Amino acid sequence: MILLDAIYINNSGGKILLDYLIQNLLATDKKVFYLLDKRVEDSTPYLPVSDNVLFLQASFINRHKFYKENRDKFSTVFCFGDLPPSIKLKNATVYTYFHQQLYIKVPKTVPFKQRMMLLLKRRVLKSIFNNTDYWALQTQQIKNDFLKKFKFKESNVLILPFYPSLQSNVKTQKIKNSFVYISNAPPHKNHLRLIKAFCLFYDKNKTGSLTLSISDNFTELITLIKNKQLSGYPINNLGFIDRDQLTNVYQKSEYLVFPSLAESFGLGIVEAIQNECKVIGSDLPYLYSVCEPSLVFNPLDEDSIEKALTKAVNQKLNDSIAKVYDEIDDVLKILT
């Protein structure tokens, strides 16, 4: 039997990929046991009630107990969430899917508290690092960075990006000079600089709009956006947006602006290109590993971001081209 261990996945891009992976597994005849975060119990309606599904409160201790009690039950283990099993499994082939670039390098701009938490998590990772037979990653760039940071047999580090398509046969006319950034707002996502840069851009050009998707728990940014709106800046915050609505948002937008300081993949980049957005993003390696962008900027410099937005509305940009493809079939092949 296969174990899919996704106990640490409950939201954002990770949850989108998890849903996609589970739905593809359900379409096969593979026998799978699903170890999932208690917080996703109400958001997996496609998963039948079964003795082979266990929702647990996500914690290192709960996960460790599970592995101690079930160490001999599985032939293959797929850990979807950066951390291998807390114990060595002698009778199973273990794959660990790594998608947290911040475990490799923490940008200096990340606040002290978050930096300390990431360093602590990295220590935990290192303590169980060799409890997996294979590491699976999403891009060649992440593989390069991973092997520089951690010692592991290169042939056992696999590149296996997978993601659901976000396209529609119904085409929507794009709104001229419209920019979108679909992402929640932890500090490394760099919303503050983007908002300030957009306001500089709007003061100069008197055109354009910016659409964001920041949830209500980021109160300082929400307050800033409301103040900017009151001052006449065309910034629209959608809040949390259901994936079913995303296609329409991207199809109406002319440009994806992507100022993030660190990404392991950047699902929004691929989704935007699928919907014919031109990508204007951070001049950082992660961006080039996913696509050929239409335009880049220095994400630490508000003036650089503003100049890129200004160039976009005043010059014809080349289309952006994706460099990655959905390899879900290859993921399914290794799970035996």
C-alpha atoms as a PDB file:
ATOM      1  CA  MET A   1       0.000   0.000   0.000  1.00  0.00           C
ATOM      2  CA  ILE A   2       1.067   3.594  -0.719  1.00  0.00           C
ATOM      3  CA  LEU A   3       1.084   6.249   1.979  1.00  0.00           C
ATOM      4  CA  LEU A   4       0.412   9.842   0.943  1.00  0.00           C
ATOM      5  CA  ASP A   5       1.571  11.915   3.909  1.00  0.00           C
ATOM      6  CA  ALA A   6       0.360  15.499   3.523  1.00  0.00           C
ATOM      7  CA  ILE A   7      -0.280  16.308   7.165  1.00  0.00           C
ATOM      8  CA  TYR A   8       1.385  19.711   6.888  1.00  0.00           C
ATOM      9  CA  ILE A   9      -0.554  20.908   3.826  1.00  0.00           C
ATOM     10  CA  ASN A  10      -3.723  22.919   4.407  1.00  0.00           C
ATOM     11  CA  ASN A  11      -3.846  26.049   2.224  1.00  0.00           C
ATOM     12  CA  SER A  12      -2.552  28.115  -0.698  1.00  0.00           C
ATOM     13  CA  GLY A  13      -0.621  26.572  -3.576  1.00  0.00           C
ATOM     14  CA  GLY A  14       0.241  23.438  -1.612  1.00  0.00           C
ATOM     15  CA  LYS A  15      -3.445  22.631  -1.129  1.00  0.00           C
ATOM     16  CA  ILE A  16      -4.131  23.148  -4.838  1.00  0.00           C
ATOM     17  CA  LEU A  17      -1.396  20.656  -5.736  1.00  0.00           C
ATOM     18  CA  LEU A  18      -2.565  18.237  -3.046  1.00  0.00           C
ATOM     19  CA  ASP A  19      -6.133  18.245  -4.380  1.00  0.00           C
ATOM     20  CA  TYR A  20      -4.812  17.620  -7.873  1.00  0.00           C
ATOM     21  CA  LEU A  21      -2.578  14.757  -6.723  1.00  0.00           C
ATOM     22  CA  ILE A  22      -5.320  13.038  -4.712  1.00  0.00           C
ATOM     23  CA  GLN A  23      -7.871  13.312  -7.504  1.00  0.00           C
ATOM     24  CA  ASN A  24      -5.402  11.732  -9.916  1.00  0.00           C
ATOM     25  CA  LEU A  25      -4.623   8.938  -7.457  1.00  0.00           C
ATOM     26  CA  LEU A  26      -8.337   8.245  -6.996  1.00  0.00           C
ATOM     27  CA  ALA A  27      -8.617   7.772 -10.765  1.00  0.00           C
ATOM     28  CA  THR A  28      -6.150   4.855 -10.621  1.00  0.00           C
ATOM     29  CA  ASP A  29      -6.440   1.406  -9.080  1.00  0.00           C
ATOM     30  CA  LYS A  30      -3.605   2.123  -6.624  1.00  0.00           C
ATOM     31  CA  LYS A  31      -4.217   1.326  -2.964  1.00  0.00           C
ATOM     32  CA  VAL A  32      -3.458   4.500  -1.047  1.00  0.00           C
ATOM     33  CA  PHE A  33      -3.651   5.531   2.598  1.00  0.00           C
ATOM     34  CA  TYR A  34      -4.129   9.289   3.027  1.00  0.00           C
ATOM     35  CA  LEU A  35      -2.643  11.020   6.086  1.00  0.00           C
ATOM     36  CA  LEU A  36      -4.026  14.552   5.998  1.00  0.00           C
ATOM     37  CA  ASP A  37      -4.235  17.712   8.064  1.00  0.00           C
ATOM     38  CA  LYS A  38      -7.390  17.952  10.181  1.00  0.00           C
ATOM     39  CA  ARG A  39      -7.912  21.453   8.799  1.00  0.00           C
ATOM     40  CA  VAL A  40      -8.656  20.134   5.285  1.00  0.00           C
ATOM     41  CA  GLU A  41     -11.343  17.684   6.395  1.00  0.00           C
ATOM     42  CA  ASP A  42     -14.127  19.977   5.194  1.00  0.00           C
ATOM     43  CA  SER A  43     -12.377  20.954   1.947  1.00  0.00           C
ATOM     44  CA  THR A  44     -11.819  17.509   0.424  1.00  0.00           C
ATOM     45  CA  PRO A  45     -15.378  16.549  -0.599  1.00  0.00           C
ATOM     46  CA  TYR A  46     -14.022  14.439  -3.468  1.00  0.00           C
ATOM     47  CA  LEU A  47     -12.331  12.034  -0.998  1.00  0.00           C
ATOM     48  CA  PRO A  48     -14.628   9.121  -0.039  1.00  0.00           C
ATOM     49  CA  VAL A  49     -15.073   8.268   3.641  1.00  0.00           C
ATOM     50  CA  SER A  50     -12.769   5.311   4.211  1.00  0.00           C
ATOM     51  CA  ASP A  51     -10.616   3.516   6.751  1.00  0.00           C
ATOM     52  CA  ASN A  52      -7.733   4.546   4.493  1.00  0.00           C
ATOM     53  CA  VAL A  53      -8.201   8.238   5.234  1.00  0.00           C
ATOM     54  CA  LEU A  54      -6.961   9.771   8.475  1.00  0.00           C
ATOM     55  CA  PHE A  55      -7.248  13.443   9.389  1.00  0.00           C
ATOM     56  CA  LEU A  56      -4.889  14.398  12.211  1.00  0.00           C
ATOM     57  CA  GLN A  57      -4.046  17.623  13.969  1.00  0.00           C
ATOM     58  CA  ALA A  58      -0.785  18.616  12.318  1.00  0.00           C
ATOM     59  CA  SER A  59       2.107  18.238  14.741  1.00  0.00           C
ATOM     60  CA  PHE A  60       5.498  16.587  14.744  1.00  0.00           C
ATOM     61  CA  ILE A  61       4.458  14.390  17.705  1.00  0.00           C
ATOM     62  CA  ASN A  62       1.231  13.148  16.093  1.00  0.00           C
ATOM     63  CA  ARG A  63       3.055  12.376  12.887  1.00  0.00           C
ATOM     64  CA  HIS A  64       5.857  10.576  14.759  1.00  0.00           C
ATOM     65  CA  LYS A  65       3.319   8.386  16.608  1.00  0.00           C
ATOM     66  CA  PHE A  66       1.659   7.495  13.312  1.00  0.00           C
ATOM     67  CA  TYR A  67       4.947   6.353  11.798  1.00  0.00           C
ATOM     68  CA  LYS A  68       5.921   4.318  14.870  1.00  0.00           C
ATOM     69  CA  GLU A  69       2.575   2.524  14.822  1.00  0.00           C
ATOM     70  CA  ASN A  70       2.496   1.945  11.051  1.00  0.00           C
ATOM     71  CA  ARG A  71       6.141   1.612  10.050  1.00  0.00           C
ATOM     72  CA  ASP A  72       5.687  -1.771   8.326  1.00  0.00           C
ATOM     73  CA  LYS A  73       2.359  -1.182   6.540  1.00  0.00           C
ATOM     74  CA  PHE A  74       3.504   0.628   3.408  1.00  0.00           C
ATOM     75  CA  SER A  75       5.575  -0.248   0.355  1.00  0.00           C
ATOM     76  CA  THR A  76       5.893   3.358  -0.861  1.00  0.00           C
ATOM     77  CA  VAL A  77       5.662   6.606   1.079  1.00  0.00           C
ATOM     78  CA  PHE A  78       5.173  10.007  -0.561  1.00  0.00           C
ATOM     79  CA  CYS A  79       5.748  12.840   1.905  1.00  0.00           C
ATOM     80  CA  PHE A  80       4.163  15.911   0.393  1.00  0.00           C
ATOM     81  CA  GLY A  81       5.321  18.730   2.617  1.00  0.00           C
ATOM     82  CA  ASP A  82       9.126  19.036   2.857  1.00  0.00           C
ATOM     83  CA  LEU A  83       9.747  16.679   5.780  1.00  0.00           C
ATOM     84  CA  PRO A  84      10.711  12.984   5.501  1.00  0.00           C
ATOM     85  CA  PRO A  85       9.330  10.510   8.059  1.00  0.00           C
ATOM     86  CA  SER A  86      10.583  11.056  11.600  1.00  0.00           C
ATOM     87  CA  ILE A  87      11.935   7.474  11.632  1.00  0.00           C
ATOM     88  CA  LYS A  88      13.766   5.367   9.083  1.00  0.00           C
ATOM     89  CA  LEU A  89      11.408   3.018   7.244  1.00  0.00           C
ATOM     90  CA  LYS A  90      13.254  -0.162   6.293  1.00  0.00           C
ATOM     91  CA  ASN A  91      10.505  -1.779   4.228  1.00  0.00           C
ATOM     92  CA  ALA A  92       9.332   1.197   2.174  1.00  0.00           C
ATOM     93  CA  THR A  93      10.694   3.380  -0.600  1.00  0.00           C
ATOM     94  CA  VAL A  94      10.300   6.964   0.581  1.00  0.00           C
ATOM     95  CA  TYR A  95       9.910  10.017  -1.654  1.00  0.00           C
ATOM     96  CA  THR A  96       9.832  13.493  -0.102  1.00  0.00           C
ATOM     97  CA  TYR A  97       8.453  16.392  -2.130  1.00  0.00           C
ATOM     98  CA  PHE A  98      10.302  19.601  -1.325  1.00  0.00           C
ATOM     99  CA  HIS A  99       8.595  22.898  -2.084  1.00  0.00           C
ATOM    100  CA  GLN A 100       9.805  25.361   0.534  1.00  0.00           C
ATOM    101  CA  GLN A 101      12.609  27.417  -0.941  1.00  0.00           C
ATOM    102  CA  LEU A 102      12.896  29.387   2.317  1.00  0.00           C
ATOM    103  CA  TYR A 103      14.438  26.296   3.936  1.00  0.00           C
ATOM    104  CA  ILE A 104      17.357  26.732   1.539  1.00  0.00           C
ATOM    105  CA  LYS A 105      17.850  30.483   1.788  1.00  0.00           C
ATOM    106  CA  VAL A 106      16.012  33.055   3.875  1.00  0.00           C
ATOM    107  CA  PRO A 107      15.968  36.558   2.313  1.00  0.00           C
ATOM    108  CA  LYS A 108      17.460  39.233   4.574  1.00  0.00           C
ATOM    109  CA  THR A 109      14.223  41.156   4.348  1.00  0.00           C
ATOM    110  CA  VAL A 110      12.255  38.415   6.161  1.00  0.00           C
ATOM    111  CA  PRO A 111      11.307  39.663   9.674  1.00  0.00           C
ATOM    112  CA  PHE A 112      13.342  38.366  12.614  1.00  0.00           C
ATOM    113  CA  LYS A 113      10.551  36.248  14.119  1.00  0.00           C
ATOM    114  CA  GLN A 114       9.808  34.454  10.843  1.00  0.00           C
ATOM    115  CA  ARG A 115      13.550  34.033  10.204  1.00  0.00           C
ATOM    116  CA  MET A 116      14.052  32.325  13.578  1.00  0.00           C
ATOM    117  CA  MET A 117      11.083  30.035  12.957  1.00  0.00           C
ATOM    118  CA  LEU A 118      12.463  29.027   9.558  1.00  0.00           C
ATOM    119  CA  LEU A 119      15.898  28.334  11.026  1.00  0.00           C
ATOM    120  CA  LEU A 120      14.279  26.143  13.683  1.00  0.00           C
ATOM    121  CA  LYS A 121      12.327  24.229  11.035  1.00  0.00           C
ATOM    122  CA  ARG A 122      15.518  23.793   9.031  1.00  0.00           C
ATOM    123  CA  ARG A 123      17.150  22.178  12.077  1.00  0.00           C
ATOM    124  CA  VAL A 124      14.266  19.735  12.306  1.00  0.00           C
ATOM    125  CA  LEU A 125      14.609  19.007   8.599  1.00  0.00           C
ATOM    126  CA  LYS A 126      18.328  18.306   8.932  1.00  0.00           C
ATOM    127  CA  SER A 127      17.742  15.929  11.845  1.00  0.00           C
ATOM    128  CA  ILE A 128      15.574  13.631   9.688  1.00  0.00           C
ATOM    129  CA  PHE A 129      16.988  14.553   6.284  1.00  0.00           C
ATOM    130  CA  ASN A 130      18.265  11.072   5.398  1.00  0.00           C
ATOM    131  CA  ASN A 131      15.034   9.264   6.284  1.00  0.00           C
ATOM    132  CA  THR A 132      14.052   9.478   2.631  1.00  0.00           C
ATOM    133  CA  ASP A 133      15.342   7.592  -0.402  1.00  0.00           C
ATOM    134  CA  TYR A 134      14.488  10.301  -2.917  1.00  0.00           C
ATOM    135  CA  TRP A 135      13.846  14.022  -2.897  1.00  0.00           C
ATOM    136  CA  ALA A 136      11.486  15.429  -5.531  1.00  0.00           C
ATOM    137  CA  LEU A 137      11.581  19.102  -6.498  1.00  0.00           C
ATOM    138  CA  GLN A 138       9.815  21.400  -8.918  1.00  0.00           C
ATOM    139  CA  THR A 139      12.559  23.082 -10.995  1.00  0.00           C
ATOM    140  CA  GLN A 140      16.197  22.685 -12.011  1.00  0.00           C
ATOM    141  CA  GLN A 141      17.046  25.903 -10.177  1.00  0.00           C
ATOM    142  CA  ILE A 142      15.669  24.575  -6.906  1.00  0.00           C
ATOM    143  CA  LYS A 143      17.586  21.336  -7.454  1.00  0.00           C
ATOM    144  CA  ASN A 144      20.811  23.289  -7.935  1.00  0.00           C
ATOM    145  CA  ASP A 145      20.202  25.336  -4.784  1.00  0.00           C
ATOM    146  CA  PHE A 146      19.113  22.249  -2.847  1.00  0.00           C
ATOM    147  CA  LEU A 147      22.300  20.322  -3.668  1.00  0.00           C
ATOM    148  CA  LYS A 148      24.442  23.299  -2.698  1.00  0.00           C
ATOM    149  CA  LYS A 149      22.724  23.497   0.676  1.00  0.00           C
ATOM    150  CA  PHE A 150      22.289  19.800   1.494  1.00  0.00           C
ATOM    151  CA  LYS A 151      24.427  16.751   0.863  1.00  0.00           C
ATOM    152  CA  PHE A 152      22.487  14.081  -1.002  1.00  0.00           C
ATOM    153  CA  LYS A 153      23.062  11.724  -3.925  1.00  0.00           C
ATOM    154  CA  GLU A 154      22.292  13.803  -7.018  1.00  0.00           C
ATOM    155  CA  SER A 155      20.739  10.915  -8.961  1.00  0.00           C
ATOM    156  CA  ASN A 156      18.179  10.541  -6.171  1.00  0.00           C
ATOM    157  CA  VAL A 157      17.072  14.168  -6.458  1.00  0.00           C
ATOM    158  CA  LEU A 158      14.243  14.237  -8.995  1.00  0.00           C
ATOM    159  CA  ILE A 159      12.585  17.116 -10.825  1.00  0.00           C
ATOM    160  CA  LEU A 160       8.828  16.437 -10.912  1.00  0.00           C
ATOM    161  CA  PRO A 161       6.674  19.546 -11.276  1.00  0.00           C
ATOM    162  CA  PHE A 162       2.948  18.951 -11.373  1.00  0.00           C
ATOM    163  CA  TYR A 163      -0.012  21.280 -11.320  1.00  0.00           C
ATOM    164  CA  PRO A 164      -3.615  21.457 -12.549  1.00  0.00           C
ATOM    165  CA  SER A 165      -4.349  23.434 -15.673  1.00  0.00           C
ATOM    166  CA  LEU A 166      -6.204  26.720 -15.228  1.00  0.00           C
ATOM    167  CA  GLN A 167      -7.683  27.418 -18.621  1.00  0.00           C
ATOM    168  CA  SER A 168     -11.083  27.980 -20.146  1.00  0.00           C
ATOM    169  CA  ASN A 169     -12.465  27.763 -23.656  1.00  0.00           C
ATOM    170  CA  VAL A 170     -14.379  30.978 -22.972  1.00  0.00           C
ATOM    171  CA  LYS A 171     -12.179  33.965 -23.768  1.00  0.00           C
ATOM    172  CA  THR A 172     -12.591  37.263 -21.920  1.00  0.00           C
ATOM    173  CA  GLN A 173     -11.400  40.585 -23.272  1.00  0.00           C
ATOM    174  CA  LYS A 174      -8.462  41.922 -21.304  1.00  0.00           C
ATOM    175  CA  ILE A 175      -8.712  45.236 -19.479  1.00  0.00           C
ATOM    176  CA  LYS A 176      -6.092  47.601 -20.836  1.00  0.00           C
ATOM    177  CA  ASN A 177      -3.153  48.333 -18.493  1.00  0.00           C
ATOM    178  CA  SER A 178      -4.440  45.979 -15.808  1.00  0.00           C
ATOM    179  CA  PHE A 179      -1.999  44.311 -13.389  1.00  0.00           C
ATOM    180  CA  VAL A 180      -2.739  41.335 -11.138  1.00  0.00           C
ATOM    181  CA  TYR A 181      -0.874  39.595  -8.312  1.00  0.00           C
ATOM    182  CA  ILE A 182      -2.676  36.563  -6.892  1.00  0.00           C
ATOM    183  CA  SER A 183      -0.943  35.672  -3.640  1.00  0.00           C
ATOM    184  CA  ASN A 184      -1.431  35.918   0.080  1.00  0.00           C
ATOM    185  CA  ALA A 185       0.902  38.259   1.895  1.00  0.00           C
ATOM    186  CA  PRO A 186       3.680  36.794   4.044  1.00  0.00           C
ATOM    187  CA  PRO A 187       6.612  39.262   4.023  1.00  0.00           C
ATOM    188  CA  HIS A 188       8.650  37.562   1.288  1.00  0.00           C
ATOM    189  CA  LYS A 189       5.747  38.033  -1.142  1.00  0.00           C
ATOM    190  CA  ASN A 190       6.731  41.721  -1.169  1.00  0.00           C
ATOM    191  CA  HIS A 191       3.291  43.336  -1.354  1.00  0.00           C
ATOM    192  CA  LEU A 192       4.288  46.521   0.442  1.00  0.00           C
ATOM    193  CA  ARG A 193       6.874  47.506  -2.161  1.00  0.00           C
ATOM    194  CA  LEU A 194       4.494  46.585  -4.969  1.00  0.00           C
ATOM    195  CA  ILE A 195       1.693  48.769  -3.603  1.00  0.00           C
ATOM    196  CA  LYS A 196       4.038  51.732  -3.118  1.00  0.00           C
ATOM    197  CA  ALA A 197       5.521  51.235  -6.589  1.00  0.00           C
ATOM    198  CA  PHE A 198       2.077  51.020  -8.197  1.00  0.00           C
ATOM    199  CA  CYS A 199       1.082  54.303  -6.573  1.00  0.00           C
ATOM    200  CA  LEU A 200       4.254  55.929  -7.945  1.00  0.00           C
ATOM    201  CA  PHE A 201       3.379  54.488 -11.352  1.00  0.00           C
ATOM    202  CA  TYR A 202      -0.193  55.779 -11.165  1.00  0.00           C
ATOM    203  CA  ASP A 203       0.929  59.269 -10.092  1.00  0.00           C
ATOM    204  CA  LYS A 204       3.128  59.390 -13.180  1.00  0.00           C
ATOM    205  CA  ASN A 205       0.875  57.752 -15.771  1.00  0.00           C
ATOM    206  CA  LYS A 206      -2.717  58.252 -14.522  1.00  0.00           C
ATOM    207  CA  THR A 207      -3.709  54.890 -15.951  1.00  0.00           C
ATOM    208  CA  GLY A 208      -3.855  51.252 -14.944  1.00  0.00           C
ATOM    209  CA  SER A 209      -5.262  49.130 -12.135  1.00  0.00           C
ATOM    210  CA  LEU A 210      -3.843  46.638  -9.618  1.00  0.00           C
ATOM    211  CA  THR A 211      -5.743  43.562  -8.435  1.00  0.00           C
ATOM    212  CA  LEU A 212      -4.577  41.694  -5.307  1.00  0.00           C
ATOM    213  CA  SER A 213      -5.858  38.768  -3.218  1.00  0.00           C
ATOM    214  CA  ILE A 214      -4.781  39.498   0.361  1.00  0.00           C
ATOM    215  CA  SER A 215      -6.790  37.860   3.146  1.00  0.00           C
ATOM    216  CA  ASP A 216      -8.165  39.833   6.090  1.00  0.00           C
ATOM    217  CA  ASN A 217      -5.616  38.573   8.623  1.00  0.00           C
ATOM    218  CA  PHE A 218      -2.931  40.798   7.063  1.00  0.00           C
ATOM    219  CA  THR A 219      -4.442  43.820   8.751  1.00  0.00           C
ATOM    220  CA  GLU A 220      -1.675  46.368   8.111  1.00  0.00           C
ATOM    221  CA  LEU A 221      -1.733  45.750   4.361  1.00  0.00           C
ATOM    222  CA  ILE A 222      -5.537  45.765   4.281  1.00  0.00           C
ATOM    223  CA  THR A 223      -5.532  49.146   6.047  1.00  0.00           C
ATOM    224  CA  LEU A 224      -2.913  50.480   3.626  1.00  0.00           C
ATOM    225  CA  ILE A 225      -4.969  49.372   0.619  1.00  0.00           C
ATOM    226  CA  LYS A 226      -8.124  50.994   1.990  1.00  0.00           C
ATOM    227  CA  ASN A 227      -6.246  54.250   2.554  1.00  0.00           C
ATOM    228  CA  LYS A 228      -4.863  54.133  -0.978  1.00  0.00           C
ATOM    229  CA  GLN A 229      -8.339  53.476  -2.356  1.00  0.00           C
ATOM    230  CA  LEU A 230      -9.681  56.494  -0.462  1.00  0.00           C
ATOM    231  CA  SER A 231      -6.893  58.534  -2.036  1.00  0.00           C
ATOM    232  CA  GLY A 232      -8.087  57.532  -5.497  1.00  0.00           C
ATOM    233  CA  TYR A 233      -5.685  54.761  -6.395  1.00  0.00           C
ATOM    234  CA  PRO A 234      -7.327  51.932  -8.431  1.00  0.00           C
ATOM    235  CA  ILE A 235      -6.246  49.024  -6.240  1.00  0.00           C
ATOM    236  CA  ASN A 236      -8.757  46.195  -5.918  1.00  0.00           C
ATOM    237  CA  ASN A 237      -8.273  43.559  -3.219  1.00  0.00           C
ATOM    238  CA  LEU A 238     -10.329  40.427  -3.845  1.00  0.00           C
ATOM    239  CA  GLY A 239      -9.424  38.819  -0.531  1.00  0.00           C
ATOM    240  CA  PHE A 240      -9.423  35.040  -0.553  1.00  0.00           C
ATOM    241  CA  ILE A 241     -10.564  33.947  -3.985  1.00  0.00           C
ATOM    242  CA  ASP A 242     -11.873  30.537  -4.962  1.00  0.00           C
ATOM    243  CA  ARG A 243      -9.849  28.787  -7.637  1.00  0.00           C
ATOM    244  CA  ASP A 244     -12.926  28.516  -9.842  1.00  0.00           C
ATOM    245  CA  GLN A 245     -12.911  32.307 -10.144  1.00  0.00           C
ATOM    246  CA  LEU A 246      -9.210  32.638 -10.916  1.00  0.00           C
ATOM    247  CA  THR A 247      -9.464  31.937 -14.632  1.00  0.00           C
ATOM    248  CA  ASN A 248     -11.722  34.942 -15.143  1.00  0.00           C
ATOM    249  CA  VAL A 249      -9.410  37.181 -13.069  1.00  0.00           C
ATOM    250  CA  TYR A 250      -6.340  36.200 -15.083  1.00  0.00           C
ATOM    251  CA  GLN A 251      -8.170  36.386 -18.424  1.00  0.00           C
ATOM    252  CA  LYS A 252      -9.247  39.967 -17.726  1.00  0.00           C
ATOM    253  CA  SER A 253      -5.742  41.025 -16.670  1.00  0.00           C
ATOM    254  CA  GLU A 254      -3.150  42.165 -19.180  1.00  0.00           C
ATOM    255  CA  TYR A 255      -0.114  41.692 -16.929  1.00  0.00           C
ATOM    256  CA  LEU A 256       0.930  39.504 -14.027  1.00  0.00           C
ATOM    257  CA  VAL A 257       3.233  41.485 -11.757  1.00  0.00           C
ATOM    258  CA  PHE A 258       5.191  39.105  -9.530  1.00  0.00           C
ATOM    259  CA  PRO A 259       7.522  40.796  -6.987  1.00  0.00           C
ATOM    260  CA  SER A 260       8.101  37.817  -4.669  1.00  0.00           C
ATOM    261  CA  LEU A 261      11.572  37.532  -3.131  1.00  0.00           C
ATOM    262  CA  ALA A 262      11.595  33.719  -2.927  1.00  0.00           C
ATOM    263  CA  GLU A 263       9.658  30.920  -4.634  1.00  0.00           C
ATOM    264  CA  SER A 264      10.111  27.200  -5.014  1.00  0.00           C
ATOM    265  CA  PHE A 265       7.858  27.230  -8.061  1.00  0.00           C
ATOM    266  CA  GLY A 266       5.419  30.099  -8.476  1.00  0.00           C
ATOM    267  CA  LEU A 267       2.171  28.432  -9.538  1.00  0.00           C
ATOM    268  CA  GLY A 268       0.602  31.818 -10.250  1.00  0.00           C
ATOM    269  CA  ILE A 269       3.209  32.466 -12.942  1.00  0.00           C
ATOM    270  CA  VAL A 270       2.234  29.349 -14.870  1.00  0.00           C
ATOM    271  CA  GLU A 271      -1.486  30.008 -14.400  1.00  0.00           C
ATOM    272  CA  ALA A 272      -1.149  33.571 -15.662  1.00  0.00           C
ATOM    273  CA  ILE A 273       0.759  32.488 -18.778  1.00  0.00           C
ATOM    274  CA  GLN A 274      -1.914  29.855 -19.492  1.00  0.00           C
ATOM    275  CA  ASN A 275      -4.358  32.756 -19.590  1.00  0.00           C
ATOM    276  CA  GLU A 276      -2.186  34.935 -21.829  1.00  0.00           C
ATOM    277  CA  CYS A 277      -0.941  37.395 -19.219  1.00  0.00           C
ATOM    278  CA  LYS A 278       2.468  38.954 -19.780  1.00  0.00           C
ATOM    279  CA  VAL A 279       4.722  38.337 -16.782  1.00  0.00           C
ATOM    280  CA  ILE A 280       6.552  41.262 -15.199  1.00  0.00           C
ATOM    281  CA  GLY A 281       8.532  39.841 -12.316  1.00  0.00           C
ATOM    282  CA  SER A 282      11.500  39.788  -9.988  1.00  0.00           C
ATOM    283  CA  ASP A 283      14.906  39.536 -11.615  1.00  0.00           C
ATOM    284  CA  LEU A 284      15.659  36.392  -9.613  1.00  0.00           C
ATOM    285  CA  PRO A 285      16.590  32.823 -10.634  1.00  0.00           C
ATOM    286  CA  TYR A 286      13.238  31.272  -9.662  1.00  0.00           C
ATOM    287  CA  LEU A 287      11.435  33.354 -12.290  1.00  0.00           C
ATOM    288  CA  TYR A 288      13.710  32.287 -15.151  1.00  0.00           C
ATOM    289  CA  SER A 289      13.424  28.637 -14.117  1.00  0.00           C
ATOM    290  CA  VAL A 290       9.657  28.774 -14.669  1.00  0.00           C
ATOM    291  CA  CYS A 291       9.316  31.079 -17.663  1.00  0.00           C
ATOM    292  CA  GLU A 292      10.756  33.548 -20.104  1.00  0.00           C
ATOM    293  CA  PRO A 293       9.254  36.729 -18.610  1.00  0.00           C
ATOM    294  CA  SER A 294       8.186  39.731 -20.634  1.00  0.00           C
ATOM    295  CA  LEU A 295       9.971  42.161 -18.309  1.00  0.00           C
ATOM    296  CA  VAL A 296      11.901  42.072 -15.024  1.00  0.00           C
ATOM    297  CA  PHE A 297      12.718  44.464 -12.193  1.00  0.00           C
ATOM    298  CA  ASN A 298      14.711  44.645  -8.973  1.00  0.00           C
ATOM    299  CA  PRO A 299      12.158  43.513  -6.349  1.00  0.00           C
ATOM    300  CA  LEU A 300      13.969  45.415  -3.570  1.00  0.00           C
ATOM    301  CA  ASP A 301      13.675  48.758  -5.402  1.00  0.00           C
ATOM    302  CA  GLU A 302      10.283  50.466  -5.647  1.00  0.00           C
ATOM    303  CA  ASP A 303      11.576  52.763  -8.395  1.00  0.00           C
ATOM    304  CA  SER A 304      12.653  49.745 -10.451  1.00  0.00           C
ATOM    305  CA  ILE A 305       9.184  48.195 -10.089  1.00  0.00           C
ATOM    306  CA  GLU A 306       7.544  51.490 -11.054  1.00  0.00           C
ATOM    307  CA  LYS A 307       9.738  51.843 -14.139  1.00  0.00           C
ATOM    308  CA  ALA A 308       8.829  48.329 -15.249  1.00  0.00           C
ATOM    309  CA  LEU A 309       5.098  49.063 -14.912  1.00  0.00           C
ATOM    310  CA  THR A 310       5.559  52.303 -16.842  1.00  0.00           C
ATOM    311  CA  LYS A 311       7.475  50.539 -19.607  1.00  0.00           C
ATOM    312  CA  ALA A 312       4.745  47.904 -19.841  1.00  0.00           C
ATOM    313  CA  VAL A 313       2.003  50.423 -20.612  1.00  0.00           C
ATOM    314  CA  ASN A 314       4.103  52.477 -23.004  1.00  0.00           C
ATOM    315  CA  GLN A 315       5.887  49.788 -25.036  1.00  0.00           C
ATOM    316  CA  LYS A 316       4.876  46.540 -26.700  1.00  0.00           C
ATOM    317  CA  LEU A 317       6.234  43.616 -24.676  1.00  0.00           C
ATOM    318  CA  ASN A 318       6.968  40.117 -25.917  1.00  0.00           C
ATOM    319  CA  ASP A 319       4.666  37.360 -24.721  1.00  0.00           C
ATOM    320  CA  SER A 320       5.849  35.323 -21.739  1.00  0.00           C
ATOM    321  CA  ILE A 321       6.674  31.658 -22.345  1.00  0.00           C
ATOM    322  CA  ALA A 322       6.366  28.855 -19.791  1.00  0.00           C
ATOM    323  CA  LYS A 323       9.351  26.532 -19.319  1.00  0.00           C
ATOM    324  CA  VAL A 324       7.705  23.914 -17.094  1.00  0.00           C
ATOM    325  CA  TYR A 325       5.060  21.309 -17.765  1.00  0.00           C
ATOM    326  CA  ASP A 326       2.691  19.193 -15.717  1.00  0.00           C
ATOM    327  CA  GLU A 327       4.404  15.840 -15.003  1.00  0.00           C
ATOM    328  CA  ILE A 328       1.663  14.256 -12.886  1.00  0.00           C
ATOM    329  CA  ASP A 329       1.926  11.017 -14.911  1.00  0.00           C
ATOM    330  CA  ASP A 330       5.563  10.636 -13.864  1.00  0.00           C
ATOM    331  CA  VAL A 331       4.612  11.239 -10.228  1.00  0.00           C
ATOM    332  CA  LEU A 332       1.993   8.490 -10.435  1.00  0.00           C
ATOM    333  CA  LYS A 333       4.525   6.100 -11.995  1.00  0.00           C
ATOM    334  CA  ILE A 334       6.875   6.240  -9.003  1.00  0.00           C
ATOM    335  CA  LEU A 335       4.044   5.482  -6.571  1.00  0.00           C
ATOM    336  CA  THR A 336       3.827   1.697  -6.629  1.00  0.00           C
END
